[in-house]
N, C-alpha and C. Protein backbone atom coordinates (compact mmCIF):
# COMPACT_ATOMS: atom_id res chain seq x y z
N MET A 1 -46.61 -10.79 -5.16
CA MET A 1 -46.13 -9.45 -5.06
C MET A 1 -45.16 -9.06 -6.19
N LYS A 2 -45.50 -7.97 -6.96
CA LYS A 2 -44.34 -7.55 -7.91
C LYS A 2 -44.02 -6.26 -7.53
N ILE A 3 -42.52 -6.27 -7.64
CA ILE A 3 -41.70 -5.21 -7.33
C ILE A 3 -41.42 -4.21 -8.45
N ASP A 4 -41.56 -2.97 -8.45
CA ASP A 4 -41.23 -2.09 -9.47
C ASP A 4 -39.88 -1.77 -9.36
N ASN A 5 -39.03 -2.32 -10.32
CA ASN A 5 -37.54 -2.10 -10.51
C ASN A 5 -37.31 -0.70 -10.65
N SER A 6 -38.18 0.15 -11.35
CA SER A 6 -37.60 1.40 -11.60
C SER A 6 -37.60 2.44 -10.27
N SER A 7 -38.01 2.06 -9.16
CA SER A 7 -37.90 2.69 -7.89
C SER A 7 -36.46 2.61 -7.27
N PHE A 8 -35.60 1.58 -7.75
CA PHE A 8 -34.27 1.33 -7.17
C PHE A 8 -33.21 2.26 -7.68
N GLU A 9 -32.30 2.51 -6.90
CA GLU A 9 -31.28 3.66 -7.38
C GLU A 9 -30.17 2.79 -7.60
N ARG A 10 -29.34 2.92 -8.47
CA ARG A 10 -28.17 2.24 -8.74
C ARG A 10 -26.92 2.77 -7.83
N VAL A 11 -26.29 1.94 -7.33
CA VAL A 11 -25.24 2.47 -6.34
C VAL A 11 -23.74 2.35 -6.88
N GLU A 12 -23.18 3.40 -7.06
CA GLU A 12 -21.59 3.21 -7.89
C GLU A 12 -20.65 2.79 -6.80
N GLU A 13 -20.73 3.25 -5.47
CA GLU A 13 -19.74 2.63 -4.49
C GLU A 13 -20.45 2.89 -2.95
N PHE A 14 -20.04 2.02 -2.15
CA PHE A 14 -20.39 2.13 -0.89
C PHE A 14 -19.57 1.39 0.13
N LYS A 15 -19.37 1.80 1.55
CA LYS A 15 -18.44 1.24 2.38
C LYS A 15 -19.05 0.31 3.37
N TYR A 16 -18.48 -0.96 3.18
CA TYR A 16 -18.88 -2.10 4.07
C TYR A 16 -17.63 -2.49 4.82
N LEU A 17 -17.83 -2.57 6.00
CA LEU A 17 -16.96 -3.15 7.04
C LEU A 17 -15.65 -2.30 6.81
N GLY A 18 -15.82 -1.00 6.48
CA GLY A 18 -14.48 -0.40 6.48
C GLY A 18 -13.85 -0.52 5.12
N THR A 19 -14.33 -1.15 4.30
CA THR A 19 -13.71 -1.14 2.76
C THR A 19 -14.71 -0.54 1.87
N THR A 20 -14.23 0.25 0.89
CA THR A 20 -15.00 0.75 -0.15
C THR A 20 -15.13 -0.13 -1.46
N LEU A 21 -16.53 -0.70 -1.57
CA LEU A 21 -16.79 -1.61 -2.60
C LEU A 21 -17.30 -0.59 -4.00
N THR A 22 -16.98 -0.84 -4.93
CA THR A 22 -17.53 -0.36 -6.19
C THR A 22 -18.11 -1.16 -6.95
N ASN A 23 -18.95 -0.64 -8.02
CA ASN A 23 -19.82 -1.39 -8.93
C ASN A 23 -18.62 -2.20 -10.08
N GLN A 24 -17.46 -1.39 -10.09
CA GLN A 24 -16.58 -1.86 -11.03
C GLN A 24 -15.78 -2.87 -10.45
N ASN A 25 -15.79 -3.19 -9.02
CA ASN A 25 -14.99 -4.19 -8.40
C ASN A 25 -13.34 -3.57 -8.47
N SER A 26 -13.15 -2.37 -8.55
CA SER A 26 -11.75 -2.00 -8.66
C SER A 26 -10.91 -2.24 -7.39
N ILE A 27 -9.85 -2.68 -7.36
CA ILE A 27 -8.80 -2.86 -6.52
C ILE A 27 -8.11 -1.61 -5.88
N LYS A 28 -8.17 -0.72 -7.10
CA LYS A 28 -7.41 0.66 -7.01
C LYS A 28 -8.18 1.41 -6.03
N GLU A 29 -9.62 1.26 -5.96
CA GLU A 29 -10.16 2.14 -4.93
C GLU A 29 -10.04 1.63 -3.46
N VAL A 30 -10.04 0.15 -3.60
CA VAL A 30 -9.96 -0.46 -2.16
C VAL A 30 -8.63 -0.16 -1.68
N ILE A 31 -7.34 -0.05 -2.47
CA ILE A 31 -6.15 0.15 -1.92
C ILE A 31 -6.24 1.69 -1.43
N LYS A 32 -6.66 2.49 -2.36
CA LYS A 32 -6.77 3.95 -1.74
C LYS A 32 -7.62 4.22 -0.53
N SER A 33 -8.67 3.58 -0.47
CA SER A 33 -9.33 3.62 0.66
C SER A 33 -8.73 3.21 1.95
N ARG A 34 -7.63 2.23 1.86
CA ARG A 34 -6.90 1.63 2.78
C ARG A 34 -5.76 2.64 3.34
N LEU A 35 -5.18 3.26 2.30
CA LEU A 35 -3.95 3.96 2.53
C LEU A 35 -4.16 5.37 2.94
N LYS A 36 -5.65 5.72 2.89
CA LYS A 36 -6.06 6.96 3.22
C LYS A 36 -5.84 7.00 4.93
N PRO A 37 -6.57 5.94 5.63
CA PRO A 37 -6.33 6.06 7.16
C PRO A 37 -4.97 5.74 7.39
N GLY A 38 -4.50 4.82 6.61
CA GLY A 38 -2.84 4.54 7.03
C GLY A 38 -1.91 5.85 7.07
N ASN A 39 -2.37 6.66 6.07
CA ASN A 39 -1.48 7.99 5.91
C ASN A 39 -1.91 8.75 7.10
N ALA A 40 -3.08 8.73 7.44
CA ALA A 40 -3.55 9.83 8.70
C ALA A 40 -2.89 9.20 10.02
N PHE A 41 -2.83 8.06 10.19
CA PHE A 41 -2.17 7.37 11.17
C PHE A 41 -0.59 7.80 11.30
N HIS A 42 0.03 7.63 10.08
CA HIS A 42 1.46 7.92 9.74
C HIS A 42 1.50 9.56 10.29
N HIS A 43 0.87 10.29 9.85
CA HIS A 43 0.96 11.57 10.08
C HIS A 43 0.69 11.98 11.72
N SER A 44 -0.19 11.09 12.20
CA SER A 44 -0.27 11.58 13.57
C SER A 44 0.82 11.06 14.56
N VAL A 45 1.61 9.99 14.05
CA VAL A 45 2.84 9.67 14.77
C VAL A 45 4.14 10.11 14.25
N GLN A 46 4.09 10.74 13.02
CA GLN A 46 5.28 11.26 12.44
C GLN A 46 6.37 11.98 13.30
N ASN A 47 6.01 12.54 14.38
CA ASN A 47 6.92 13.25 15.24
C ASN A 47 7.68 12.07 15.97
N LEU A 48 7.03 11.09 16.56
CA LEU A 48 7.58 9.88 17.01
C LEU A 48 8.46 9.08 16.23
N LEU A 49 8.09 9.18 14.99
CA LEU A 49 9.08 8.25 14.01
C LEU A 49 10.08 8.90 13.65
N SER A 50 10.25 10.27 13.78
CA SER A 50 11.37 11.04 13.62
C SER A 50 12.09 11.65 14.74
N PHE A 51 11.68 11.18 16.00
CA PHE A 51 12.32 11.60 17.19
C PHE A 51 13.67 10.65 17.39
N SER A 52 14.61 11.60 17.24
CA SER A 52 16.17 10.68 17.46
C SER A 52 16.55 10.03 18.51
N LEU A 53 15.83 10.40 19.71
CA LEU A 53 16.02 9.72 21.07
C LEU A 53 15.43 8.22 21.15
N LEU A 54 14.29 8.07 20.28
CA LEU A 54 13.53 6.89 20.39
C LEU A 54 14.24 5.87 19.62
N PRO A 55 14.46 4.48 19.94
CA PRO A 55 15.26 3.55 19.33
C PRO A 55 14.56 3.03 18.04
N LYS A 56 15.18 2.82 16.98
CA LYS A 56 14.76 2.33 15.70
C LYS A 56 13.91 1.10 15.79
N ASN A 57 14.20 0.26 16.88
CA ASN A 57 13.28 -0.84 16.80
C ASN A 57 12.03 -0.54 17.43
N LEU A 58 11.85 0.49 18.46
CA LEU A 58 10.61 0.85 18.96
C LEU A 58 9.61 1.47 17.83
N LYS A 59 10.40 2.37 17.12
CA LYS A 59 9.71 2.97 16.01
C LYS A 59 9.08 2.05 14.82
N ILE A 60 9.73 0.92 14.58
CA ILE A 60 9.51 -0.24 13.82
C ILE A 60 8.23 -0.84 14.34
N LYS A 61 8.23 -1.18 15.59
CA LYS A 61 7.23 -1.81 16.22
C LYS A 61 5.77 -0.72 16.28
N ILE A 62 6.19 0.59 16.48
CA ILE A 62 4.95 1.44 16.38
C ILE A 62 4.26 1.33 14.89
N TYR A 63 5.25 1.30 13.81
CA TYR A 63 4.71 0.95 12.43
C TYR A 63 4.16 -0.34 12.30
N ARG A 64 4.58 -1.38 12.75
CA ARG A 64 4.07 -2.64 12.44
C ARG A 64 2.65 -2.86 13.40
N SER A 65 2.59 -2.40 14.41
CA SER A 65 1.45 -2.26 15.22
C SER A 65 0.25 -1.40 14.97
N ILE A 66 0.53 -0.12 14.61
CA ILE A 66 -0.32 0.89 14.48
C ILE A 66 -0.76 1.18 13.01
N ILE A 67 0.15 1.26 12.16
CA ILE A 67 0.00 1.62 10.70
C ILE A 67 -0.37 0.56 9.78
N LEU A 68 0.65 -0.45 9.63
CA LEU A 68 0.42 -1.53 8.99
C LEU A 68 -0.98 -2.36 9.11
N PRO A 69 -1.32 -2.62 10.01
CA PRO A 69 -2.87 -3.13 10.46
C PRO A 69 -3.81 -2.43 9.67
N VAL A 70 -3.73 -1.10 9.87
CA VAL A 70 -4.84 -0.30 9.29
C VAL A 70 -4.75 -0.37 7.98
N VAL A 71 -3.65 -0.23 7.17
CA VAL A 71 -3.36 -0.44 5.67
C VAL A 71 -3.95 -1.75 5.27
N LEU A 72 -3.70 -2.68 5.98
CA LEU A 72 -3.87 -3.98 5.54
C LEU A 72 -5.19 -4.56 5.71
N TYR A 73 -6.14 -4.04 6.48
CA TYR A 73 -7.35 -4.45 7.01
C TYR A 73 -8.05 -4.98 5.65
N GLY A 74 -8.57 -6.07 5.75
CA GLY A 74 -9.24 -6.71 4.77
C GLY A 74 -8.50 -7.32 3.46
N HIS A 75 -6.99 -7.46 3.62
CA HIS A 75 -6.22 -7.67 2.52
C HIS A 75 -6.29 -8.98 1.93
N GLU A 76 -7.17 -9.83 2.74
CA GLU A 76 -7.26 -11.34 2.41
C GLU A 76 -8.22 -11.53 1.01
N THR A 77 -9.10 -10.56 0.61
CA THR A 77 -9.63 -10.66 -0.46
C THR A 77 -9.24 -9.93 -1.66
N TRP A 78 -7.80 -9.11 -1.47
CA TRP A 78 -7.52 -8.56 -2.46
C TRP A 78 -6.51 -9.31 -3.80
N LEU A 79 -6.89 -8.92 -4.79
CA LEU A 79 -5.94 -9.64 -5.91
C LEU A 79 -5.24 -8.36 -6.53
N LEU A 80 -4.12 -8.28 -6.16
CA LEU A 80 -3.35 -6.99 -6.55
C LEU A 80 -2.71 -7.17 -8.13
N THR A 81 -2.63 -6.00 -8.38
CA THR A 81 -2.06 -5.82 -9.66
C THR A 81 -0.59 -5.04 -9.38
N LEU A 82 0.11 -5.27 -10.47
CA LEU A 82 1.67 -4.70 -10.25
C LEU A 82 1.64 -3.25 -9.74
N ARG A 83 0.59 -2.39 -10.12
CA ARG A 83 0.48 -0.98 -9.87
C ARG A 83 0.11 -1.02 -8.53
N GLU A 84 -0.81 -1.71 -7.97
CA GLU A 84 -1.08 -1.60 -6.60
C GLU A 84 0.02 -2.16 -5.65
N GLU A 85 0.71 -3.03 -6.20
CA GLU A 85 1.79 -3.52 -5.33
C GLU A 85 2.68 -2.51 -5.18
N CYS A 86 3.03 -1.82 -6.13
CA CYS A 86 3.98 -0.41 -6.25
C CYS A 86 3.56 0.51 -5.22
N ARG A 87 2.14 0.86 -5.25
CA ARG A 87 1.61 1.97 -4.46
C ARG A 87 1.90 1.50 -2.89
N LEU A 88 1.68 0.30 -2.68
CA LEU A 88 1.67 -0.06 -1.27
C LEU A 88 3.10 -0.19 -0.65
N THR A 89 4.18 -0.41 -1.78
CA THR A 89 5.37 -0.35 -1.37
C THR A 89 6.09 1.01 -1.19
N VAL A 90 5.63 1.87 -1.91
CA VAL A 90 6.08 3.38 -1.94
C VAL A 90 5.42 4.00 -0.59
N SER A 91 4.31 3.61 -0.10
CA SER A 91 3.79 3.94 1.10
C SER A 91 4.52 3.52 2.08
N GLU A 92 4.96 2.19 2.24
CA GLU A 92 5.55 1.62 3.27
C GLU A 92 7.14 2.27 3.37
N ASN A 93 7.81 2.44 2.06
CA ASN A 93 9.14 3.12 1.92
C ASN A 93 8.99 4.58 2.81
N ILE A 94 8.12 5.26 2.44
CA ILE A 94 7.86 6.70 3.08
C ILE A 94 7.80 6.66 4.51
N VAL A 95 7.29 5.61 5.20
CA VAL A 95 7.27 5.60 6.64
C VAL A 95 8.72 5.10 7.10
N LEU A 96 9.18 4.20 6.19
CA LEU A 96 10.54 3.55 6.85
C LEU A 96 11.74 4.61 6.64
N ARG A 97 11.59 5.48 5.65
CA ARG A 97 12.58 6.56 5.43
C ARG A 97 12.27 7.46 6.50
N ARG A 98 11.18 7.82 7.09
CA ARG A 98 10.96 8.68 8.34
C ARG A 98 11.74 7.85 9.53
N ILE A 99 11.49 6.67 9.64
CA ILE A 99 11.96 5.98 10.67
C ILE A 99 13.50 6.00 10.87
N PHE A 100 14.03 5.68 9.80
CA PHE A 100 15.61 5.42 9.56
C PHE A 100 16.17 6.90 9.23
N GLY A 101 15.57 7.77 8.83
CA GLY A 101 16.15 9.07 8.77
C GLY A 101 17.12 9.35 7.63
N PRO A 102 17.74 10.56 7.43
CA PRO A 102 18.56 10.81 6.44
C PRO A 102 19.88 10.13 6.44
N LYS A 103 20.84 9.89 5.48
CA LYS A 103 22.20 9.48 5.57
C LYS A 103 23.04 10.54 5.18
N ARG A 104 24.33 10.50 5.94
CA ARG A 104 25.34 11.52 5.40
C ARG A 104 26.12 10.92 4.18
N ASP A 105 26.13 11.57 3.34
CA ASP A 105 26.82 11.04 2.07
C ASP A 105 28.28 11.12 2.28
N ASP A 106 29.16 10.18 2.04
CA ASP A 106 30.46 10.21 2.41
C ASP A 106 31.35 11.33 1.45
N VAL A 107 30.92 11.22 0.08
CA VAL A 107 31.66 11.80 -0.63
C VAL A 107 31.39 13.40 -0.70
N ALA A 108 30.11 13.72 -0.82
CA ALA A 108 29.85 15.27 -0.68
C ALA A 108 29.76 15.73 0.57
N GLY A 109 29.62 15.03 1.60
CA GLY A 109 29.51 15.35 2.94
C GLY A 109 28.17 16.04 3.31
N GLU A 110 27.13 15.60 2.44
CA GLU A 110 25.75 16.26 2.65
C GLU A 110 24.69 15.13 3.05
N TRP A 111 23.74 15.65 3.75
CA TRP A 111 22.76 14.69 4.13
C TRP A 111 21.76 14.25 2.98
N ARG A 112 21.27 13.05 2.69
CA ARG A 112 20.51 12.70 1.74
C ARG A 112 19.46 11.65 2.22
N LYS A 113 18.43 11.41 1.43
CA LYS A 113 17.38 10.46 1.75
C LYS A 113 18.03 9.14 1.32
N LEU A 114 17.49 7.84 2.00
CA LEU A 114 17.86 6.75 1.78
C LEU A 114 17.05 6.18 0.38
N ASN A 115 18.00 5.64 -0.31
CA ASN A 115 17.20 4.81 -1.57
C ASN A 115 16.52 3.58 -1.09
N ASN A 116 15.64 3.14 -2.17
CA ASN A 116 15.24 1.88 -1.84
C ASN A 116 15.74 0.82 -1.16
N GLU A 117 17.07 0.34 -1.83
CA GLU A 117 17.99 -0.69 -1.44
C GLU A 117 18.45 -0.26 -0.06
N GLU A 118 18.69 0.53 0.30
CA GLU A 118 19.35 1.01 1.78
C GLU A 118 18.23 0.81 2.71
N VAL A 119 16.84 1.16 2.36
CA VAL A 119 15.89 1.01 3.34
C VAL A 119 15.62 -0.49 3.40
N ASN A 120 15.62 -1.10 2.29
CA ASN A 120 15.28 -2.72 2.45
C ASN A 120 16.44 -3.48 3.23
N ASP A 121 17.66 -2.67 2.92
CA ASP A 121 18.74 -3.49 3.94
C ASP A 121 18.48 -3.17 5.25
N LEU A 122 18.14 -1.96 5.61
CA LEU A 122 17.98 -1.71 7.13
C LEU A 122 16.67 -2.28 7.86
N TYR A 123 15.69 -2.50 6.72
CA TYR A 123 14.51 -3.06 7.56
C TYR A 123 14.65 -4.54 7.34
N SER A 124 15.04 -5.30 8.40
CA SER A 124 15.14 -6.69 8.22
C SER A 124 13.99 -7.51 8.41
N LEU A 125 12.80 -7.15 8.44
CA LEU A 125 11.39 -7.73 8.87
C LEU A 125 11.04 -7.83 7.33
N PRO A 126 9.92 -8.70 7.08
CA PRO A 126 9.28 -9.02 5.87
C PRO A 126 8.65 -7.62 5.40
N ASN A 127 8.84 -7.33 4.11
CA ASN A 127 8.16 -6.04 3.75
C ASN A 127 6.45 -6.15 3.53
N ILE A 128 5.81 -5.08 3.12
CA ILE A 128 4.47 -5.35 3.07
C ILE A 128 3.93 -6.38 2.15
N LEU A 129 4.59 -6.50 0.83
CA LEU A 129 4.34 -7.47 -0.01
C LEU A 129 4.35 -8.98 0.51
N ARG A 130 5.39 -9.25 1.52
CA ARG A 130 5.75 -10.41 1.99
C ARG A 130 4.73 -10.73 3.01
N VAL A 131 4.35 -9.59 3.62
CA VAL A 131 3.01 -9.74 4.61
C VAL A 131 1.87 -10.03 4.05
N LEU A 132 1.55 -9.78 2.86
CA LEU A 132 0.38 -10.02 2.22
C LEU A 132 0.37 -11.23 1.70
N GLN A 133 1.49 -11.72 1.21
CA GLN A 133 1.65 -13.26 0.84
C GLN A 133 1.26 -14.21 1.91
């Protein structure tokens, strides 16, 4: 039996088990497709994460049990570039800044966002890149 190849359509990308696969095998698209639902979960719980009466350790548990698994689904097959590592770190820092809230600057007396070093100092658990390793 002979099959006519002209009747097959070339697929540029498709979703398989929650991961978007492309014909270029681009990790960029995979990371983007995982960050999208992670951001959606972050936005759905952002009121909880910024609620001042909720303890910070509970907020971190919410992040580690709801948002992080969604982002890292299928990470065993990822070969990350430095750019993609930065995207994941930025995404994590956005959530952690929401959890830890602003800091009052001693000199100016104004509220400001935490910088990356301050976020890393406050977050004692392994960051997203350590979890990937």
